[in-house]
Amino acid sequence: MKKRSSTIALIVSMMTTPAAFAAERIVTFGVDNMTCASCPYIVKTAMAAVPGVANVTVSFESKTATVTFDDAKTNPGAIAAASSSAGFPAHERLQGS
């Protein structure tokens, strides 16, 4: 009986593991081609449309976008691709850059 309980516990933990490792992440992107005051709105709209993105803040002055997202639902590459598709190539900036 003890072996059976251990097996069931193992199966249940494996089924819930992906959710346990999901985390909210914050990534800052450098964004190219922003030349006017309406550009940040377009970048924000494109990035916010990616499933899993919770918040987007775009700075025209520093040409950056800071994105909060659920890493179980999306990744920086997908967010950058959405911005690029809207005409504003984005690249992840490393910490301290």
PDB file of N, CA and C in Angstrom:
ATOM      1  N   MET A   1       0.818  -1.195   0.000  1.00  0.00           N
ATOM      2  CA  MET A   1       0.000   0.000   0.000  1.00  0.00           C
ATOM      3  C   MET A   1       0.866   1.266   0.000  1.00  0.00           C
ATOM      4  N   LYS A   2       1.976   1.216   0.724  1.00  0.00           N
ATOM      5  CA  LYS A   2       2.865   2.377   0.786  1.00  0.00           C
ATOM      6  C   LYS A   2       3.453   2.675  -0.590  1.00  0.00           C
ATOM      7  N   LYS A   3       3.795   1.625  -1.335  1.00  0.00           N
ATOM      8  CA  LYS A   3       4.353   1.816  -2.676  1.00  0.00           C
ATOM      9  C   LYS A   3       3.328   2.465  -3.595  1.00  0.00           C
ATOM     10  N   ARG A   4       2.076   2.058  -3.462  1.00  0.00           N
ATOM     11  CA  ARG A   4       1.008   2.615  -4.282  1.00  0.00           C
ATOM     12  C   ARG A   4       0.808   4.100  -3.965  1.00  0.00           C
ATOM     13  N   SER A   5       0.850   4.468  -2.706  1.00  0.00           N
ATOM     14  CA  SER A   5       0.707   5.871  -2.306  1.00  0.00           C
ATOM     15  C   SER A   5       1.852   6.708  -2.856  1.00  0.00           C
ATOM     16  N   SER A   6       3.043   6.154  -2.829  1.00  0.00           N
ATOM     17  CA  SER A   6       4.204   6.866  -3.363  1.00  0.00           C
ATOM     18  C   SER A   6       4.063   7.083  -4.862  1.00  0.00           C
ATOM     19  N   THR A   7       3.573   6.079  -5.560  1.00  0.00           N
ATOM     20  CA  THR A   7       3.384   6.185  -7.001  1.00  0.00           C
ATOM     21  C   THR A   7       2.348   7.248  -7.335  1.00  0.00           C
ATOM     22  N   ILE A   8       1.260   7.263  -6.608  1.00  0.00           N
ATOM     23  CA  ILE A   8       0.209   8.257  -6.838  1.00  0.00           C
ATOM     24  C   ILE A   8       0.747   9.660  -6.551  1.00  0.00           C
ATOM     25  N   ALA A   9       1.487   9.803  -5.477  1.00  0.00           N
ATOM     26  CA  ALA A   9       2.060  11.112  -5.149  1.00  0.00           C
ATOM     27  C   ALA A   9       3.011  11.582  -6.242  1.00  0.00           C
ATOM     28  N   LEU A  10       3.800  10.671  -6.792  1.00  0.00           N
ATOM     29  CA  LEU A  10       4.723  11.010  -7.859  1.00  0.00           C
ATOM     30  C   LEU A  10       3.971  11.467  -9.102  1.00  0.00           C
ATOM     31  N   ILE A  11       2.922  10.764  -9.460  1.00  0.00           N
ATOM     32  CA  ILE A  11       2.124  11.118 -10.640  1.00  0.00           C
ATOM     33  C   ILE A  11       1.478  12.490 -10.461  1.00  0.00           C
ATOM     34  N   VAL A  12       0.918  12.739  -9.294  1.00  0.00           N
ATOM     35  CA  VAL A  12       0.274  14.029  -9.036  1.00  0.00           C
ATOM     36  C   VAL A  12       1.301  15.156  -9.094  1.00  0.00           C
ATOM     37  N   SER A  13       2.482  14.949  -8.526  1.00  0.00           N
ATOM     38  CA  SER A  13       3.497  16.005  -8.553  1.00  0.00           C
ATOM     39  C   SER A  13       3.984  16.264  -9.966  1.00  0.00           C
ATOM     40  N   MET A  14       4.054  15.249 -10.797  1.00  0.00           N
ATOM     41  CA  MET A  14       4.483  15.437 -12.186  1.00  0.00           C
ATOM     42  C   MET A  14       3.440  16.211 -12.980  1.00  0.00           C
ATOM     43  N   MET A  15       2.178  16.011 -12.641  1.00  0.00           N
ATOM     44  CA  MET A  15       1.110  16.708 -13.358  1.00  0.00           C
ATOM     45  C   MET A  15       1.079  18.189 -13.007  1.00  0.00           C
ATOM     46  N   THR A  16       1.515  18.549 -11.816  1.00  0.00           N
ATOM     47  CA  THR A  16       1.465  19.951 -11.394  1.00  0.00           C
ATOM     48  C   THR A  16       2.802  20.662 -11.559  1.00  0.00           C
ATOM     49  N   THR A  17       3.827  19.969 -11.958  1.00  0.00           N
ATOM     50  CA  THR A  17       5.167  20.544 -12.055  1.00  0.00           C
ATOM     51  C   THR A  17       5.248  21.756 -12.983  1.00  0.00           C
ATOM     52  N   PRO A  18       4.696  21.747 -14.201  1.00  0.00           N
ATOM     53  CA  PRO A  18       4.844  22.918 -15.072  1.00  0.00           C
ATOM     54  C   PRO A  18       4.332  24.199 -14.424  1.00  0.00           C
ATOM     55  N   ALA A  19       3.212  24.133 -13.738  1.00  0.00           N
ATOM     56  CA  ALA A  19       2.677  25.322 -13.092  1.00  0.00           C
ATOM     57  C   ALA A  19       3.578  25.778 -11.950  1.00  0.00           C
ATOM     58  N   ALA A  20       4.193  24.820 -11.284  1.00  0.00           N
ATOM     59  CA  ALA A  20       5.064  25.173 -10.163  1.00  0.00           C
ATOM     60  C   ALA A  20       6.294  25.932 -10.634  1.00  0.00           C
ATOM     61  N   PHE A  21       6.751  25.684 -11.845  1.00  0.00           N
ATOM     62  CA  PHE A  21       7.939  26.353 -12.355  1.00  0.00           C
ATOM     63  C   PHE A  21       7.629  27.619 -13.137  1.00  0.00           C
ATOM     64  N   ALA A  22       6.359  27.875 -13.400  1.00  0.00           N
ATOM     65  CA  ALA A  22       5.994  29.090 -14.115  1.00  0.00           C
ATOM     66  C   ALA A  22       6.286  30.286 -13.229  1.00  0.00           C
ATOM     67  N   ALA A  23       6.779  31.331 -13.842  1.00  0.00           N
ATOM     68  CA  ALA A  23       7.108  32.513 -13.066  1.00  0.00           C
ATOM     69  C   ALA A  23       6.848  33.768 -13.877  1.00  0.00           C
ATOM     70  N   GLU A  24       6.575  34.826 -13.163  1.00  0.00           N
ATOM     71  CA  GLU A  24       6.447  36.120 -13.811  1.00  0.00           C
ATOM     72  C   GLU A  24       7.854  36.660 -14.018  1.00  0.00           C
ATOM     73  N   ARG A  25       8.126  37.102 -15.229  1.00  0.00           N
ATOM     74  CA  ARG A  25       9.453  37.650 -15.549  1.00  0.00           C
ATOM     75  C   ARG A  25       9.301  39.070 -16.053  1.00  0.00           C
ATOM     76  N   ILE A  26      10.349  39.832 -15.893  1.00  0.00           N
ATOM     77  CA  ILE A  26      10.394  41.193 -16.425  1.00  0.00           C
ATOM     78  C   ILE A  26      11.639  41.289 -17.300  1.00  0.00           C
ATOM     79  N   VAL A  27      11.435  41.698 -18.550  1.00  0.00           N
ATOM     80  CA  VAL A  27      12.535  41.828 -19.503  1.00  0.00           C
ATOM     81  C   VAL A  27      12.456  43.215 -20.132  1.00  0.00           C
ATOM     82  N   THR A  28      13.629  43.820 -20.321  1.00  0.00           N
ATOM     83  CA  THR A  28      13.701  45.106 -21.018  1.00  0.00           C
ATOM     84  C   THR A  28      14.277  44.877 -22.408  1.00  0.00           C
ATOM     85  N   PHE A  29      13.612  45.455 -23.392  1.00  0.00           N
ATOM     86  CA  PHE A  29      14.021  45.352 -24.788  1.00  0.00           C
ATOM     87  C   PHE A  29      14.488  46.711 -25.281  1.00  0.00           C
ATOM     88  N   GLY A  30      15.512  46.718 -26.107  1.00  0.00           N
ATOM     89  CA  GLY A  30      15.851  47.895 -26.886  1.00  0.00           C
ATOM     90  C   GLY A  30      14.951  47.853 -28.113  1.00  0.00           C
ATOM     91  N   VAL A  31      14.380  48.980 -28.492  1.00  0.00           N
ATOM     92  CA  VAL A  31      13.445  49.012 -29.619  1.00  0.00           C
ATOM     93  C   VAL A  31      13.951  50.000 -30.664  1.00  0.00           C
ATOM     94  N   ASP A  32      14.117  49.520 -31.885  1.00  0.00           N
ATOM     95  CA  ASP A  32      14.597  50.344 -32.991  1.00  0.00           C
ATOM     96  C   ASP A  32      13.434  50.994 -33.739  1.00  0.00           C
ATOM     97  N   ASN A  33      13.747  52.030 -34.494  1.00  0.00           N
ATOM     98  CA  ASN A  33      12.820  52.704 -35.415  1.00  0.00           C
ATOM     99  C   ASN A  33      11.767  53.580 -34.739  1.00  0.00           C
ATOM    100  N   MET A  34      11.868  53.845 -33.443  1.00  0.00           N
ATOM    101  CA  MET A  34      10.894  54.740 -32.810  1.00  0.00           C
ATOM    102  C   MET A  34      11.331  56.185 -33.088  1.00  0.00           C
ATOM    103  N   THR A  35      10.569  56.870 -33.938  1.00  0.00           N
ATOM    104  CA  THR A  35      10.950  58.221 -34.365  1.00  0.00           C
ATOM    105  C   THR A  35       9.919  59.290 -34.031  1.00  0.00           C
ATOM    106  N   CYS A  36       8.742  58.880 -33.561  1.00  0.00           N
ATOM    107  CA  CYS A  36       7.711  59.876 -33.267  1.00  0.00           C
ATOM    108  C   CYS A  36       6.935  59.485 -32.011  1.00  0.00           C
ATOM    109  N   ALA A  37       6.092  60.368 -31.559  1.00  0.00           N
ATOM    110  CA  ALA A  37       5.353  60.155 -30.315  1.00  0.00           C
ATOM    111  C   ALA A  37       4.343  59.014 -30.387  1.00  0.00           C
ATOM    112  N   SER A  38       3.900  58.638 -31.572  1.00  0.00           N
ATOM    113  CA  SER A  38       2.930  57.543 -31.676  1.00  0.00           C
ATOM    114  C   SER A  38       3.595  56.167 -31.712  1.00  0.00           C
ATOM    115  N   CYS A  39       4.883  56.122 -31.960  1.00  0.00           N
ATOM    116  CA  CYS A  39       5.590  54.837 -32.039  1.00  0.00           C
ATOM    117  C   CYS A  39       5.472  54.009 -30.753  1.00  0.00           C
ATOM    118  N   PRO A  40       5.643  54.587 -29.564  1.00  0.00           N
ATOM    119  CA  PRO A  40       5.524  53.778 -28.351  1.00  0.00           C
ATOM    120  C   PRO A  40       4.151  53.110 -28.205  1.00  0.00           C
ATOM    121  N   TYR A  41       3.108  53.801 -28.645  1.00  0.00           N
ATOM    122  CA  TYR A  41       1.774  53.205 -28.582  1.00  0.00           C
ATOM    123  C   TYR A  41       1.696  51.948 -29.448  1.00  0.00           C
ATOM    124  N   ILE A  42       2.258  52.002 -30.637  1.00  0.00           N
ATOM    125  CA  ILE A  42       2.241  50.858 -31.552  1.00  0.00           C
ATOM    126  C   ILE A  42       3.043  49.696 -30.961  1.00  0.00           C
ATOM    127  N   VAL A  43       4.222  49.998 -30.412  1.00  0.00           N
ATOM    128  CA  VAL A  43       5.056  48.959 -29.796  1.00  0.00           C
ATOM    129  C   VAL A  43       4.317  48.324 -28.627  1.00  0.00           C
ATOM    130  N   LYS A  44       3.733  49.159 -27.771  1.00  0.00           N
ATOM    131  CA  LYS A  44       3.009  48.654 -26.601  1.00  0.00           C
ATOM    132  C   LYS A  44       1.846  47.772 -27.019  1.00  0.00           C
ATOM    133  N   THR A  45       1.088  48.198 -27.997  1.00  0.00           N
ATOM    134  CA  THR A  45      -0.060  47.432 -28.468  1.00  0.00           C
ATOM    135  C   THR A  45       0.373  46.081 -29.032  1.00  0.00           C
ATOM    136  N   ALA A  46       1.441  46.071 -29.821  1.00  0.00           N
ATOM    137  CA  ALA A  46       1.926  44.828 -30.427  1.00  0.00           C
ATOM    138  C   ALA A  46       2.409  43.851 -29.363  1.00  0.00           C
ATOM    139  N   MET A  47       3.196  44.345 -28.409  1.00  0.00           N
ATOM    140  CA  MET A  47       3.734  43.468 -27.370  1.00  0.00           C
ATOM    141  C   MET A  47       2.643  42.984 -26.413  1.00  0.00           C
ATOM    142  N   ALA A  48       1.717  43.861 -26.077  1.00  0.00           N
ATOM    143  CA  ALA A  48       0.643  43.501 -25.149  1.00  0.00           C
ATOM    144  C   ALA A  48      -0.296  42.452 -25.733  1.00  0.00           C
ATOM    145  N   ALA A  49      -0.342  42.326 -27.048  1.00  0.00           N
ATOM    146  CA  ALA A  49      -1.224  41.350 -27.701  1.00  0.00           C
ATOM    147  C   ALA A  49      -0.699  39.916 -27.598  1.00  0.00           C
ATOM    148  N   VAL A  50       0.542  39.744 -27.182  1.00  0.00           N
ATOM    149  CA  VAL A  50       1.113  38.405 -27.055  1.00  0.00           C
ATOM    150  C   VAL A  50       0.503  37.723 -25.831  1.00  0.00           C
ATOM    151  N   PRO A  51      -0.093  36.536 -25.996  1.00  0.00           N
ATOM    152  CA  PRO A  51      -0.669  35.838 -24.848  1.00  0.00           C
ATOM    153  C   PRO A  51       0.381  35.601 -23.761  1.00  0.00           C
ATOM    154  N   GLY A  52       0.027  35.948 -22.532  1.00  0.00           N
ATOM    155  CA  GLY A  52       0.939  35.786 -21.412  1.00  0.00           C
ATOM    156  C   GLY A  52       1.580  37.082 -20.963  1.00  0.00           C
ATOM    157  N   VAL A  53       1.496  38.127 -21.793  1.00  0.00           N
ATOM    158  CA  VAL A  53       2.059  39.426 -21.421  1.00  0.00           C
ATOM    159  C   VAL A  53       1.077  40.121 -20.473  1.00  0.00           C
ATOM    160  N   ALA A  54       1.591  40.556 -19.327  1.00  0.00           N
ATOM    161  CA  ALA A  54       0.749  41.197 -18.317  1.00  0.00           C
ATOM    162  C   ALA A  54       0.844  42.720 -18.352  1.00  0.00           C
ATOM    163  N   ASN A  55       2.030  43.245 -18.672  1.00  0.00           N
ATOM    164  CA  ASN A  55       2.213  44.692 -18.653  1.00  0.00           C
ATOM    165  C   ASN A  55       3.349  45.085 -19.601  1.00  0.00           C
ATOM    166  N   VAL A  56       3.172  46.228 -20.251  1.00  0.00           N
ATOM    167  CA  VAL A  56       4.209  46.769 -21.141  1.00  0.00           C
ATOM    168  C   VAL A  56       4.342  48.264 -20.865  1.00  0.00           C
ATOM    169  N   THR A  57       5.566  48.700 -20.639  1.00  0.00           N
ATOM    170  CA  THR A  57       5.859  50.122 -20.481  1.00  0.00           C
ATOM    171  C   THR A  57       6.914  50.483 -21.514  1.00  0.00           C
ATOM    172  N   VAL A  58       6.608  51.471 -22.361  1.00  0.00           N
ATOM    173  CA  VAL A  58       7.519  51.854 -23.434  1.00  0.00           C
ATOM    174  C   VAL A  58       8.021  53.270 -23.183  1.00  0.00           C
ATOM    175  N   SER A  59       9.326  53.461 -23.348  1.00  0.00           N
ATOM    176  CA  SER A  59       9.936  54.778 -23.211  1.00  0.00           C
ATOM    177  C   SER A  59      10.460  55.237 -24.561  1.00  0.00           C
ATOM    178  N   PHE A  60       9.876  56.319 -25.067  1.00  0.00           N
ATOM    179  CA  PHE A  60      10.357  56.896 -26.320  1.00  0.00           C
ATOM    180  C   PHE A  60      11.753  57.476 -26.136  1.00  0.00           C
ATOM    181  N   GLU A  61      11.986  58.107 -24.996  1.00  0.00           N
ATOM    182  CA  GLU A  61      13.266  58.759 -24.727  1.00  0.00           C
ATOM    183  C   GLU A  61      14.432  57.767 -24.733  1.00  0.00           C
ATOM    184  N   SER A  62      14.255  56.628 -24.059  1.00  0.00           N
ATOM    185  CA  SER A  62      15.357  55.654 -23.977  1.00  0.00           C
ATOM    186  C   SER A  62      15.251  54.554 -25.031  1.00  0.00           C
ATOM    187  N   LYS A  63      14.186  54.609 -25.845  1.00  0.00           N
ATOM    188  CA  LYS A  63      13.973  53.602 -26.906  1.00  0.00           C
ATOM    189  C   LYS A  63      13.966  52.189 -26.329  1.00  0.00           C
ATOM    190  N   THR A  64      13.194  52.020 -25.235  1.00  0.00           N
ATOM    191  CA  THR A  64      13.098  50.714 -24.583  1.00  0.00           C
ATOM    192  C   THR A  64      11.641  50.351 -24.308  1.00  0.00           C
ATOM    193  N   ALA A  65      11.439  49.070 -24.093  1.00  0.00           N
ATOM    194  CA  ALA A  65      10.146  48.553 -23.645  1.00  0.00           C
ATOM    195  C   ALA A  65      10.427  47.561 -22.521  1.00  0.00           C
ATOM    196  N   THR A  66       9.753  47.742 -21.403  1.00  0.00           N
ATOM    197  CA  THR A  66       9.891  46.826 -20.283  1.00  0.00           C
ATOM    198  C   THR A  66       8.603  46.024 -20.206  1.00  0.00           C
ATOM    199  N   VAL A  67       8.746  44.696 -20.258  1.00  0.00           N
ATOM    200  CA  VAL A  67       7.592  43.809 -20.375  1.00  0.00           C
ATOM    201  C   VAL A  67       7.563  42.828 -19.205  1.00  0.00           C
ATOM    202  N   THR A  68       6.403  42.711 -18.581  1.00  0.00           N
ATOM    203  CA  THR A  68       6.164  41.718 -17.543  1.00  0.00           C
ATOM    204  C   THR A  68       5.315  40.620 -18.186  1.00  0.00           C
ATOM    205  N   PHE A  69       5.766  39.363 -18.047  1.00  0.00           N
ATOM    206  CA  PHE A  69       5.046  38.275 -18.699  1.00  0.00           C
ATOM    207  C   PHE A  69       5.161  36.979 -17.906  1.00  0.00           C
ATOM    208  N   ASP A  70       4.280  36.047 -18.224  1.00  0.00           N
ATOM    209  CA  ASP A  70       4.268  34.713 -17.628  1.00  0.00           C
ATOM    210  C   ASP A  70       5.133  33.818 -18.504  1.00  0.00           C
ATOM    211  N   ASP A  71       6.245  33.334 -17.972  1.00  0.00           N
ATOM    212  CA  ASP A  71       7.172  32.565 -18.811  1.00  0.00           C
ATOM    213  C   ASP A  71       6.681  31.156 -19.129  1.00  0.00           C
ATOM    214  N   ALA A  72       5.534  30.765 -18.590  1.00  0.00           N
ATOM    215  CA  ALA A  72       4.927  29.499 -18.983  1.00  0.00           C
ATOM    216  C   ALA A  72       4.073  29.673 -20.238  1.00  0.00           C
ATOM    217  N   LYS A  73       3.748  30.924 -20.562  1.00  0.00           N
ATOM    218  CA  LYS A  73       2.873  31.199 -21.696  1.00  0.00           C
ATOM    219  C   LYS A  73       3.582  31.831 -22.884  1.00  0.00           C
ATOM    220  N   THR A  74       4.703  32.504 -22.649  1.00  0.00           N
ATOM    221  CA  THR A  74       5.429  33.151 -23.746  1.00  0.00           C
ATOM    222  C   THR A  74       6.900  33.288 -23.374  1.00  0.00           C
ATOM    223  N   ASN A  75       7.647  33.876 -24.272  1.00  0.00           N
ATOM    224  CA  ASN A  75       9.087  34.040 -24.048  1.00  0.00           C
ATOM    225  C   ASN A  75       9.544  35.332 -24.709  1.00  0.00           C
ATOM    226  N   PRO A  76      10.739  35.799 -24.359  1.00  0.00           N
ATOM    227  CA  PRO A  76      11.220  37.065 -24.940  1.00  0.00           C
ATOM    228  C   PRO A  76      11.267  37.063 -26.465  1.00  0.00           C
ATOM    229  N   GLY A  77      11.578  35.942 -27.062  1.00  0.00           N
ATOM    230  CA  GLY A  77      11.628  35.865 -28.522  1.00  0.00           C
ATOM    231  C   GLY A  77      10.292  36.156 -29.168  1.00  0.00           C
ATOM    232  N   ALA A  78       9.223  35.639 -28.599  1.00  0.00           N
ATOM    233  CA  ALA A  78       7.885  35.869 -29.153  1.00  0.00           C
ATOM    234  C   ALA A  78       7.467  37.328 -28.996  1.00  0.00           C
ATOM    235  N   ILE A  79       7.848  37.925 -27.877  1.00  0.00           N
ATOM    236  CA  ILE A  79       7.509  39.326 -27.637  1.00  0.00           C
ATOM    237  C   ILE A  79       8.284  40.223 -28.606  1.00  0.00           C
ATOM    238  N   ALA A  80       9.570  39.939 -28.774  1.00  0.00           N
ATOM    239  CA  ALA A  80      10.386  40.706 -29.725  1.00  0.00           C
ATOM    240  C   ALA A  80       9.854  40.541 -31.149  1.00  0.00           C
ATOM    241  N   ALA A  81       9.429  39.347 -31.499  1.00  0.00           N
ATOM    242  CA  ALA A  81       8.895  39.097 -32.842  1.00  0.00           C
ATOM    243  C   ALA A  81       7.630  39.906 -33.091  1.00  0.00           C
ATOM    244  N   ALA A  82       6.786  40.041 -32.078  1.00  0.00           N
ATOM    245  CA  ALA A  82       5.559  40.825 -32.234  1.00  0.00           C
ATOM    246  C   ALA A  82       5.886  42.290 -32.515  1.00  0.00           C
ATOM    247  N   SER A  83       6.858  42.823 -31.806  1.00  0.00           N
ATOM    248  CA  SER A  83       7.277  44.208 -32.032  1.00  0.00           C
ATOM    249  C   SER A  83       7.895  44.366 -33.422  1.00  0.00           C
ATOM    250  N   SER A  84       8.732  43.411 -33.787  1.00  0.00           N
ATOM    251  CA  SER A  84       9.371  43.455 -35.113  1.00  0.00           C
ATOM    252  C   SER A  84       8.339  43.397 -36.226  1.00  0.00           C
ATOM    253  N   SER A  85       7.312  42.577 -36.044  1.00  0.00           N
ATOM    254  CA  SER A  85       6.247  42.466 -37.051  1.00  0.00           C
ATOM    255  C   SER A  85       5.489  43.776 -37.217  1.00  0.00           C
ATOM    256  N   ALA A  86       5.472  44.585 -36.167  1.00  0.00           N
ATOM    257  CA  ALA A  86       4.802  45.887 -36.232  1.00  0.00           C
ATOM    258  C   ALA A  86       5.730  46.970 -36.797  1.00  0.00           C
ATOM    259  N   GLY A  87       6.964  46.587 -37.154  1.00  0.00           N
ATOM    260  CA  GLY A  87       7.890  47.533 -37.759  1.00  0.00           C
ATOM    261  C   GLY A  87       8.920  48.114 -36.807  1.00  0.00           C
ATOM    262  N   PHE A  88       8.966  47.565 -35.598  1.00  0.00           N
ATOM    263  CA  PHE A  88       9.891  48.074 -34.587  1.00  0.00           C
ATOM    264  C   PHE A  88      10.732  46.929 -34.030  1.00  0.00           C
ATOM    265  N   PRO A  89      11.842  46.608 -34.688  1.00  0.00           N
ATOM    266  CA  PRO A  89      12.683  45.503 -34.220  1.00  0.00           C
ATOM    267  C   PRO A  89      13.084  45.701 -32.751  1.00  0.00           C
ATOM    268  N   ALA A  90      12.923  44.643 -31.977  1.00  0.00           N
ATOM    269  CA  ALA A  90      13.251  44.698 -30.549  1.00  0.00           C
ATOM    270  C   ALA A  90      14.281  43.627 -30.240  1.00  0.00           C
ATOM    271  N   HIS A  91      15.163  43.939 -29.314  1.00  0.00           N
ATOM    272  CA  HIS A  91      16.171  42.970 -28.884  1.00  0.00           C
ATOM    273  C   HIS A  91      16.297  43.060 -27.373  1.00  0.00           C
ATOM    274  N   GLU A  92      16.399  41.891 -26.766  1.00  0.00           N
ATOM    275  CA  GLU A  92      16.489  41.841 -25.312  1.00  0.00           C
ATOM    276  C   GLU A  92      17.778  42.505 -24.848  1.00  0.00           C
ATOM    277  N   ARG A  93      17.656  43.368 -23.858  1.00  0.00           N
ATOM    278  CA  ARG A  93      18.841  44.026 -23.285  1.00  0.00           C
ATOM    279  C   ARG A  93      19.287  43.244 -22.064  1.00  0.00           C
ATOM    280  N   LEU A  94      20.576  43.106 -21.932  1.00  0.00           N
ATOM    281  CA  LEU A  94      21.130  42.403 -20.781  1.00  0.00           C
ATOM    282  C   LEU A  94      21.063  43.316 -19.560  1.00  0.00           C
ATOM    283  N   GLN A  95      21.018  42.705 -18.375  1.00  0.00           N
ATOM    284  CA  GLN A  95      21.026  43.482 -17.144  1.00  0.00           C
ATOM    285  C   GLN A  95      22.216  44.421 -17.122  1.00  0.00           C
ATOM    286  N   GLY A  96      22.005  45.656 -16.754  1.00  0.00           N
ATOM    287  CA  GLY A  96      23.080  46.625 -16.670  1.00  0.00           C
ATOM    288  C   GLY A  96      23.418  47.310 -17.985  1.00  0.00           C
ATOM    289  N   SER A  97      22.699  46.963 -19.065  1.00  0.00           N
ATOM    290  CA  SER A  97      22.975  47.577 -20.373  1.00  0.00           C
ATOM    291  C   SER A  97      22.167  48.826 -20.572  1.00  0.00           C
TER     292      SER A  97
END
